[in-house]
Amino acid sequence: MIDEVQAVELFRFADPVQSVTVEVRCSDPLRMGEERYYAGEIVVESVFVSGRVGLQVSLEDLDDWERCLGALQAEEGVESA
């Protein structure tokens, strides 16, 4: 489970009974050569299931998120590779 004090919630899709969230921890990146990866989790919660799946997020991934969110805010379409 990601330390919630140091975690950033990238997004949350939710209604009164279920949610899907992506959280990323901002400290202690894993370094692989020049690239840094941050621990993250996809969190699913509902009345019939809940769980967490770990993932690694790079700075490039976060830059892509920023670009996509900016495009959505400007009411433009978004495509990902």
PDB file of N, CA and C in Angstrom:
ATOM      1  N   MET A   1       0.846  -1.187   0.000  1.00  0.00           N
ATOM      2  CA  MET A   1       0.000   0.000   0.000  1.00  0.00           C
ATOM      3  C   MET A   1       0.882   1.237   0.000  1.00  0.00           C
ATOM      4  N   ILE A   2       0.558   2.189  -0.830  1.00  0.00           N
ATOM      5  CA  ILE A   2       1.352   3.409  -0.958  1.00  0.00           C
ATOM      6  C   ILE A   2       1.119   4.301   0.256  1.00  0.00           C
ATOM      7  N   ASP A   3       2.196   4.863   0.773  1.00  0.00           N
ATOM      8  CA  ASP A   3       2.113   5.804   1.884  1.00  0.00           C
ATOM      9  C   ASP A   3       1.292   7.005   1.419  1.00  0.00           C
ATOM     10  N   GLU A   4       0.111   7.188   1.975  1.00  0.00           N
ATOM     11  CA  GLU A   4      -0.810   8.219   1.504  1.00  0.00           C
ATOM     12  C   GLU A   4      -0.304   9.632   1.741  1.00  0.00           C
ATOM     13  N   VAL A   5       0.592   9.817   2.722  1.00  0.00           N
ATOM     14  CA  VAL A   5       1.124  11.147   2.995  1.00  0.00           C
ATOM     15  C   VAL A   5       1.965  11.625   1.818  1.00  0.00           C
ATOM     16  N   GLN A   6       2.701  10.730   1.172  1.00  0.00           N
ATOM     17  CA  GLN A   6       3.594  11.095   0.096  1.00  0.00           C
ATOM     18  C   GLN A   6       3.021  10.752  -1.279  1.00  0.00           C
ATOM     19  N   ALA A   7       1.787  10.334  -1.351  1.00  0.00           N
ATOM     20  CA  ALA A   7       1.196   9.919  -2.624  1.00  0.00           C
ATOM     21  C   ALA A   7       0.428  11.065  -3.269  1.00  0.00           C
ATOM     22  N   VAL A   8       0.483  11.090  -4.607  1.00  0.00           N
ATOM     23  CA  VAL A   8      -0.290  12.041  -5.388  1.00  0.00           C
ATOM     24  C   VAL A   8      -1.333  11.242  -6.155  1.00  0.00           C
ATOM     25  N   GLU A   9      -2.562  11.684  -6.074  1.00  0.00           N
ATOM     26  CA  GLU A   9      -3.637  11.031  -6.807  1.00  0.00           C
ATOM     27  C   GLU A   9      -3.680  11.638  -8.209  1.00  0.00           C
ATOM     28  N   LEU A  10      -3.344  10.828  -9.232  1.00  0.00           N
ATOM     29  CA  LEU A  10      -3.358  11.329 -10.607  1.00  0.00           C
ATOM     30  C   LEU A  10      -4.772  11.526 -11.110  1.00  0.00           C
ATOM     31  N   PHE A  11      -5.628  10.569 -10.805  1.00  0.00           N
ATOM     32  CA  PHE A  11      -7.029  10.726 -11.158  1.00  0.00           C
ATOM     33  C   PHE A  11      -7.882   9.787 -10.330  1.00  0.00           C
ATOM     34  N   ARG A  12      -9.176  10.110 -10.279  1.00  0.00           N
ATOM     35  CA  ARG A  12     -10.167   9.278  -9.592  1.00  0.00           C
ATOM     36  C   ARG A  12     -11.452   9.341 -10.391  1.00  0.00           C
ATOM     37  N   PHE A  13     -11.939   8.161 -10.780  1.00  0.00           N
ATOM     38  CA  PHE A  13     -13.261   8.039 -11.369  1.00  0.00           C
ATOM     39  C   PHE A  13     -14.116   7.413 -10.280  1.00  0.00           C
ATOM     40  N   ALA A  14     -15.214   8.074  -9.902  1.00  0.00           N
ATOM     41  CA  ALA A  14     -15.988   7.565  -8.774  1.00  0.00           C
ATOM     42  C   ALA A  14     -17.455   7.933  -8.902  1.00  0.00           C
ATOM     43  N   ASP A  15     -18.266   7.086  -8.289  1.00  0.00           N
ATOM     44  CA  ASP A  15     -19.663   7.387  -8.050  1.00  0.00           C
ATOM     45  C   ASP A  15     -19.921   6.979  -6.601  1.00  0.00           C
ATOM     46  N   PRO A  16     -21.150   7.032  -6.109  1.00  0.00           N
ATOM     47  CA  PRO A  16     -21.373   6.744  -4.691  1.00  0.00           C
ATOM     48  C   PRO A  16     -20.974   5.339  -4.225  1.00  0.00           C
ATOM     49  N   VAL A  17     -20.830   4.355  -5.127  1.00  0.00           N
ATOM     50  CA  VAL A  17     -20.542   2.991  -4.669  1.00  0.00           C
ATOM     51  C   VAL A  17     -19.245   2.385  -5.202  1.00  0.00           C
ATOM     52  N   GLN A  18     -18.557   3.053  -6.129  1.00  0.00           N
ATOM     53  CA  GLN A  18     -17.338   2.460  -6.672  1.00  0.00           C
ATOM     54  C   GLN A  18     -16.369   3.538  -7.130  1.00  0.00           C
ATOM     55  N   SER A  19     -15.086   3.165  -7.213  1.00  0.00           N
ATOM     56  CA  SER A  19     -14.086   4.118  -7.693  1.00  0.00           C
ATOM     57  C   SER A  19     -12.875   3.383  -8.254  1.00  0.00           C
ATOM     58  N   VAL A  20     -12.185   4.084  -9.145  1.00  0.00           N
ATOM     59  CA  VAL A  20     -10.890   3.651  -9.667  1.00  0.00           C
ATOM     60  C   VAL A  20      -9.972   4.851  -9.536  1.00  0.00           C
ATOM     61  N   THR A  21      -8.816   4.636  -8.922  1.00  0.00           N
ATOM     62  CA  THR A  21      -7.873   5.709  -8.660  1.00  0.00           C
ATOM     63  C   THR A  21      -6.477   5.267  -9.077  1.00  0.00           C
ATOM     64  N   VAL A  22      -5.665   6.209  -9.557  1.00  0.00           N
ATOM     65  CA  VAL A  22      -4.244   5.953  -9.763  1.00  0.00           C
ATOM     66  C   VAL A  22      -3.484   6.886  -8.835  1.00  0.00           C
ATOM     67  N   GLU A  23      -2.652   6.299  -7.980  1.00  0.00           N
ATOM     68  CA  GLU A  23      -1.842   7.043  -7.018  1.00  0.00           C
ATOM     69  C   GLU A  23      -0.371   6.807  -7.336  1.00  0.00           C
ATOM     70  N   VAL A  24       0.446   7.861  -7.179  1.00  0.00           N
ATOM     71  CA  VAL A  24       1.888   7.749  -7.401  1.00  0.00           C
ATOM     72  C   VAL A  24       2.617   8.327  -6.204  1.00  0.00           C
ATOM     73  N   ARG A  25       3.608   7.595  -5.714  1.00  0.00           N
ATOM     74  CA  ARG A  25       4.437   8.075  -4.605  1.00  0.00           C
ATOM     75  C   ARG A  25       5.511   9.002  -5.176  1.00  0.00           C
ATOM     76  N   CYS A  26       5.734  10.124  -4.525  1.00  0.00           N
ATOM     77  CA  CYS A  26       6.613  11.161  -5.050  1.00  0.00           C
ATOM     78  C   CYS A  26       8.062  11.038  -4.592  1.00  0.00           C
ATOM     79  N   SER A  27       8.365  10.127  -3.710  1.00  0.00           N
ATOM     80  CA  SER A  27       9.729  10.020  -3.207  1.00  0.00           C
ATOM     81  C   SER A  27      10.334   8.663  -3.543  1.00  0.00           C
ATOM     82  N   ASP A  28      11.630   8.546  -3.356  1.00  0.00           N
ATOM     83  CA  ASP A  28      12.369   7.303  -3.533  1.00  0.00           C
ATOM     84  C   ASP A  28      12.168   6.650  -4.897  1.00  0.00           C
ATOM     85  N   PRO A  29      12.549   7.349  -5.987  1.00  0.00           N
ATOM     86  CA  PRO A  29      12.391   6.730  -7.305  1.00  0.00           C
ATOM     87  C   PRO A  29      13.360   5.568  -7.495  1.00  0.00           C
ATOM     88  N   LEU A  30      12.952   4.617  -8.297  1.00  0.00           N
ATOM     89  CA  LEU A  30      13.801   3.521  -8.725  1.00  0.00           C
ATOM     90  C   LEU A  30      14.579   4.033  -9.931  1.00  0.00           C
ATOM     91  N   ARG A  31      15.887   3.941  -9.893  1.00  0.00           N
ATOM     92  CA  ARG A  31      16.712   4.440 -10.996  1.00  0.00           C
ATOM     93  C   ARG A  31      17.185   3.282 -11.853  1.00  0.00           C
ATOM     94  N   MET A  32      16.961   3.424 -13.160  1.00  0.00           N
ATOM     95  CA  MET A  32      17.445   2.442 -14.131  1.00  0.00           C
ATOM     96  C   MET A  32      18.192   3.239 -15.190  1.00  0.00           C
ATOM     97  N   GLY A  33      19.520   3.333 -15.050  1.00  0.00           N
ATOM     98  CA  GLY A  33      20.303   4.193 -15.927  1.00  0.00           C
ATOM     99  C   GLY A  33      19.936   5.639 -15.665  1.00  0.00           C
ATOM    100  N   GLU A  34      19.596   6.354 -16.723  1.00  0.00           N
ATOM    101  CA  GLU A  34      19.202   7.762 -16.606  1.00  0.00           C
ATOM    102  C   GLU A  34      17.738   7.937 -16.194  1.00  0.00           C
ATOM    103  N   GLU A  35      16.946   6.919 -16.395  1.00  0.00           N
ATOM    104  CA  GLU A  35      15.495   7.005 -16.161  1.00  0.00           C
ATOM    105  C   GLU A  35      15.161   6.779 -14.685  1.00  0.00           C
ATOM    106  N   ARG A  36      14.162   7.517 -14.189  1.00  0.00           N
ATOM    107  CA  ARG A  36      13.643   7.332 -12.826  1.00  0.00           C
ATOM    108  C   ARG A  36      12.207   6.850 -12.916  1.00  0.00           C
ATOM    109  N   TYR A  37      11.871   5.877 -12.098  1.00  0.00           N
ATOM    110  CA  TYR A  37      10.511   5.343 -12.042  1.00  0.00           C
ATOM    111  C   TYR A  37       9.980   5.493 -10.625  1.00  0.00           C
ATOM    112  N   TYR A  38       8.729   5.907 -10.523  1.00  0.00           N
ATOM    113  CA  TYR A  38       8.088   6.110  -9.225  1.00  0.00           C
ATOM    114  C   TYR A  38       7.047   5.020  -9.001  1.00  0.00           C
ATOM    115  N   ALA A  39       6.974   4.534  -7.770  1.00  0.00           N
ATOM    116  CA  ALA A  39       5.996   3.506  -7.422  1.00  0.00           C
ATOM    117  C   ALA A  39       4.593   4.092  -7.497  1.00  0.00           C
ATOM    118  N   GLY A  40       3.677   3.305  -7.990  1.00  0.00           N
ATOM    119  CA  GLY A  40       2.293   3.728  -8.075  1.00  0.00           C
ATOM    120  C   GLY A  40       1.363   2.556  -7.872  1.00  0.00           C
ATOM    121  N   GLU A  41       0.097   2.837  -7.767  1.00  0.00           N
ATOM    122  CA  GLU A  41      -0.921   1.798  -7.628  1.00  0.00           C
ATOM    123  C   GLU A  41      -2.196   2.213  -8.335  1.00  0.00           C
ATOM    124  N   ILE A  42      -2.848   1.238  -8.937  1.00  0.00           N
ATOM    125  CA  ILE A  42      -4.213   1.397  -9.414  1.00  0.00           C
ATOM    126  C   ILE A  42      -5.079   0.818  -8.307  1.00  0.00           C
ATOM    127  N   VAL A  43      -5.999   1.612  -7.795  1.00  0.00           N
ATOM    128  CA  VAL A  43      -6.829   1.198  -6.671  1.00  0.00           C
ATOM    129  C   VAL A  43      -8.282   1.100  -7.146  1.00  0.00           C
ATOM    130  N   VAL A  44      -8.883  -0.084  -6.981  1.00  0.00           N
ATOM    131  CA  VAL A  44     -10.276  -0.318  -7.363  1.00  0.00           C
ATOM    132  C   VAL A  44     -11.055  -0.623  -6.090  1.00  0.00           C
ATOM    133  N   GLU A  45     -12.155   0.084  -5.884  1.00  0.00           N
ATOM    134  CA  GLU A  45     -12.997  -0.149  -4.716  1.00  0.00           C
ATOM    135  C   GLU A  45     -14.460  -0.132  -5.141  1.00  0.00           C
ATOM    136  N   SER A  46     -15.204  -1.156  -4.714  1.00  0.00           N
ATOM    137  CA  SER A  46     -16.644  -1.210  -4.948  1.00  0.00           C
ATOM    138  C   SER A  46     -17.260  -2.124  -3.908  1.00  0.00           C
ATOM    139  N   VAL A  47     -18.576  -2.293  -3.994  1.00  0.00           N
ATOM    140  CA  VAL A  47     -19.258  -3.154  -3.023  1.00  0.00           C
ATOM    141  C   VAL A  47     -18.874  -4.620  -3.193  1.00  0.00           C
ATOM    142  N   PHE A  48     -18.546  -5.036  -4.393  1.00  0.00           N
ATOM    143  CA  PHE A  48     -18.273  -6.448  -4.618  1.00  0.00           C
ATOM    144  C   PHE A  48     -16.795  -6.780  -4.810  1.00  0.00           C
ATOM    145  N   VAL A  49     -15.930  -5.785  -4.999  1.00  0.00           N
ATOM    146  CA  VAL A  49     -14.506  -6.058  -5.171  1.00  0.00           C
ATOM    147  C   VAL A  49     -13.686  -4.844  -4.758  1.00  0.00           C
ATOM    148  N   SER A  50     -12.516  -5.106  -4.223  1.00  0.00           N
ATOM    149  CA  SER A  50     -11.555  -4.034  -3.993  1.00  0.00           C
ATOM    150  C   SER A  50     -10.162  -4.634  -4.111  1.00  0.00           C
ATOM    151  N   GLY A  51      -9.250  -3.843  -4.618  1.00  0.00           N
ATOM    152  CA  GLY A  51      -7.901  -4.338  -4.773  1.00  0.00           C
ATOM    153  C   GLY A  51      -6.964  -3.257  -5.239  1.00  0.00           C
ATOM    154  N   ARG A  52      -5.675  -3.618  -5.224  1.00  0.00           N
ATOM    155  CA  ARG A  52      -4.619  -2.702  -5.628  1.00  0.00           C
ATOM    156  C   ARG A  52      -3.661  -3.444  -6.548  1.00  0.00           C
ATOM    157  N   VAL A  53      -3.219  -2.761  -7.585  1.00  0.00           N
ATOM    158  CA  VAL A  53      -2.236  -3.319  -8.500  1.00  0.00           C
ATOM    159  C   VAL A  53      -1.077  -2.334  -8.567  1.00  0.00           C
ATOM    160  N   GLY A  54       0.128  -2.825  -8.298  1.00  0.00           N
ATOM    161  CA  GLY A  54       1.302  -1.965  -8.342  1.00  0.00           C
ATOM    162  C   GLY A  54       1.737  -1.666  -9.764  1.00  0.00           C
ATOM    163  N   LEU A  55       2.359  -0.508  -9.948  1.00  0.00           N
ATOM    164  CA  LEU A  55       2.910  -0.133 -11.246  1.00  0.00           C
ATOM    165  C   LEU A  55       4.071   0.825 -11.030  1.00  0.00           C
ATOM    166  N   GLN A  56       4.839   1.061 -12.066  1.00  0.00           N
ATOM    167  CA  GLN A  56       5.938   2.021 -12.046  1.00  0.00           C
ATOM    168  C   GLN A  56       5.635   3.105 -13.073  1.00  0.00           C
ATOM    169  N   VAL A  57       5.846   4.366 -12.700  1.00  0.00           N
ATOM    170  CA  VAL A  57       5.544   5.498 -13.567  1.00  0.00           C
ATOM    171  C   VAL A  57       6.817   6.313 -13.769  1.00  0.00           C
ATOM    172  N   SER A  58       7.144   6.617 -15.028  1.00  0.00           N
ATOM    173  CA  SER A  58       8.334   7.422 -15.327  1.00  0.00           C
ATOM    174  C   SER A  58       7.956   8.899 -15.420  1.00  0.00           C
ATOM    175  N   LEU A  59       8.971   9.753 -15.433  1.00  0.00           N
ATOM    176  CA  LEU A  59       8.711  11.177 -15.632  1.00  0.00           C
ATOM    177  C   LEU A  59       8.090  11.428 -17.005  1.00  0.00           C
ATOM    178  N   GLU A  60       8.474  10.626 -17.997  1.00  0.00           N
ATOM    179  CA  GLU A  60       7.865  10.735 -19.331  1.00  0.00           C
ATOM    180  C   GLU A  60       6.371  10.410 -19.269  1.00  0.00           C
ATOM    181  N   ASP A  61       6.005   9.386 -18.486  1.00  0.00           N
ATOM    182  CA  ASP A  61       4.591   9.055 -18.300  1.00  0.00           C
ATOM    183  C   ASP A  61       3.837  10.233 -17.690  1.00  0.00           C
ATOM    184  N   LEU A  62       4.442  10.861 -16.681  1.00  0.00           N
ATOM    185  CA  LEU A  62       3.787  11.990 -16.026  1.00  0.00           C
ATOM    186  C   LEU A  62       3.658  13.181 -16.972  1.00  0.00           C
ATOM    187  N   ASP A  63       4.676  13.403 -17.817  1.00  0.00           N
ATOM    188  CA  ASP A  63       4.581  14.469 -18.819  1.00  0.00           C
ATOM    189  C   ASP A  63       3.428  14.200 -19.787  1.00  0.00           C
ATOM    190  N   ASP A  64       3.260  12.937 -20.190  1.00  0.00           N
ATOM    191  CA  ASP A  64       2.144  12.566 -21.069  1.00  0.00           C
ATOM    192  C   ASP A  64       0.805  12.838 -20.397  1.00  0.00           C
ATOM    193  N   TRP A  65       0.705  12.511 -19.092  1.00  0.00           N
ATOM    194  CA  TRP A  65      -0.516  12.787 -18.337  1.00  0.00           C
ATOM    195  C   TRP A  65      -0.819  14.280 -18.352  1.00  0.00           C
ATOM    196  N   GLU A  66       0.207  15.085 -18.104  1.00  0.00           N
ATOM    197  CA  GLU A  66       0.019  16.539 -18.075  1.00  0.00           C
ATOM    198  C   GLU A  66      -0.483  17.038 -19.429  1.00  0.00           C
ATOM    199  N   ARG A  67       0.107  16.553 -20.524  1.00  0.00           N
ATOM    200  CA  ARG A  67      -0.298  16.955 -21.869  1.00  0.00           C
ATOM    201  C   ARG A  67      -1.759  16.556 -22.133  1.00  0.00           C
ATOM    202  N   CYS A  68      -2.110  15.321 -21.774  1.00  0.00           N
ATOM    203  CA  CYS A  68      -3.479  14.834 -22.005  1.00  0.00           C
ATOM    204  C   CYS A  68      -4.499  15.610 -21.182  1.00  0.00           C
ATOM    205  N   LEU A  69      -4.189  15.867 -19.929  1.00  0.00           N
ATOM    206  CA  LEU A  69      -5.121  16.610 -19.081  1.00  0.00           C
ATOM    207  C   LEU A  69      -5.302  18.032 -19.583  1.00  0.00           C
ATOM    208  N   GLY A  70      -4.213  18.649 -20.064  1.00  0.00           N
ATOM    209  CA  GLY A  70      -4.313  19.989 -20.648  1.00  0.00           C
ATOM    210  C   GLY A  70      -5.201  19.998 -21.875  1.00  0.00           C
ATOM    211  N   ALA A  71      -5.045  18.982 -22.730  1.00  0.00           N
ATOM    212  CA  ALA A  71      -5.877  18.886 -23.934  1.00  0.00           C
ATOM    213  C   ALA A  71      -7.341  18.679 -23.570  1.00  0.00           C
ATOM    214  N   LEU A  72      -7.607  17.842 -22.586  1.00  0.00           N
ATOM    215  CA  LEU A  72      -8.995  17.629 -22.153  1.00  0.00           C
ATOM    216  C   LEU A  72      -9.600  18.900 -21.578  1.00  0.00           C
ATOM    217  N   GLN A  73      -8.805  19.625 -20.793  1.00  0.00           N
ATOM    218  CA  GLN A  73      -9.296  20.874 -20.219  1.00  0.00           C
ATOM    219  C   GLN A  73      -9.627  21.883 -21.326  1.00  0.00           C
ATOM    220  N   ALA A  74      -8.862  21.861 -22.421  1.00  0.00           N
ATOM    221  CA  ALA A  74      -9.111  22.758 -23.546  1.00  0.00           C
ATOM    222  C   ALA A  74     -10.174  22.189 -24.483  1.00  0.00           C
ATOM    223  N   GLU A  75     -10.807  21.086 -24.060  1.00  0.00           N
ATOM    224  CA  GLU A  75     -11.852  20.421 -24.821  1.00  0.00           C
ATOM    225  C   GLU A  75     -11.358  19.929 -26.181  1.00  0.00           C
ATOM    226  N   GLU A  76     -10.106  19.461 -26.208  1.00  0.00           N
ATOM    227  CA  GLU A  76      -9.513  18.859 -27.387  1.00  0.00           C
ATOM    228  C   GLU A  76      -9.498  17.349 -27.205  1.00  0.00           C
ATOM    229  N   GLY A  77      -9.385  16.615 -28.277  1.00  0.00           N
ATOM    230  CA  GLY A  77      -9.296  15.170 -28.189  1.00  0.00           C
ATOM    231  C   GLY A  77      -7.923  14.735 -27.706  1.00  0.00           C
ATOM    232  N   VAL A  78      -7.874  13.504 -27.166  1.00  0.00           N
ATOM    233  CA  VAL A  78      -6.615  12.954 -26.660  1.00  0.00           C
ATOM    234  C   VAL A  78      -6.465  11.544 -27.190  1.00  0.00           C
ATOM    235  N   GLU A  79      -5.275  11.231 -27.687  1.00  0.00           N
ATOM    236  CA  GLU A  79      -4.931   9.880 -28.099  1.00  0.00           C
ATOM    237  C   GLU A  79      -3.636   9.508 -27.418  1.00  0.00           C
ATOM    238  N   SER A  80      -3.512   8.258 -27.032  1.00  0.00           N
ATOM    239  CA  SER A  80      -2.258   7.814 -26.431  1.00  0.00           C
ATOM    240  C   SER A  80      -1.687   6.665 -27.254  1.00  0.00           C
ATOM    241  N   ALA A  81      -0.388   6.516 -27.164  1.00  0.00           N
ATOM    242  CA  ALA A  81       0.286   5.455 -27.921  1.00  0.00           C
ATOM    243  C   ALA A  81       0.266   4.151 -27.172  1.00  0.00           C
TER     244      ALA A  81
END
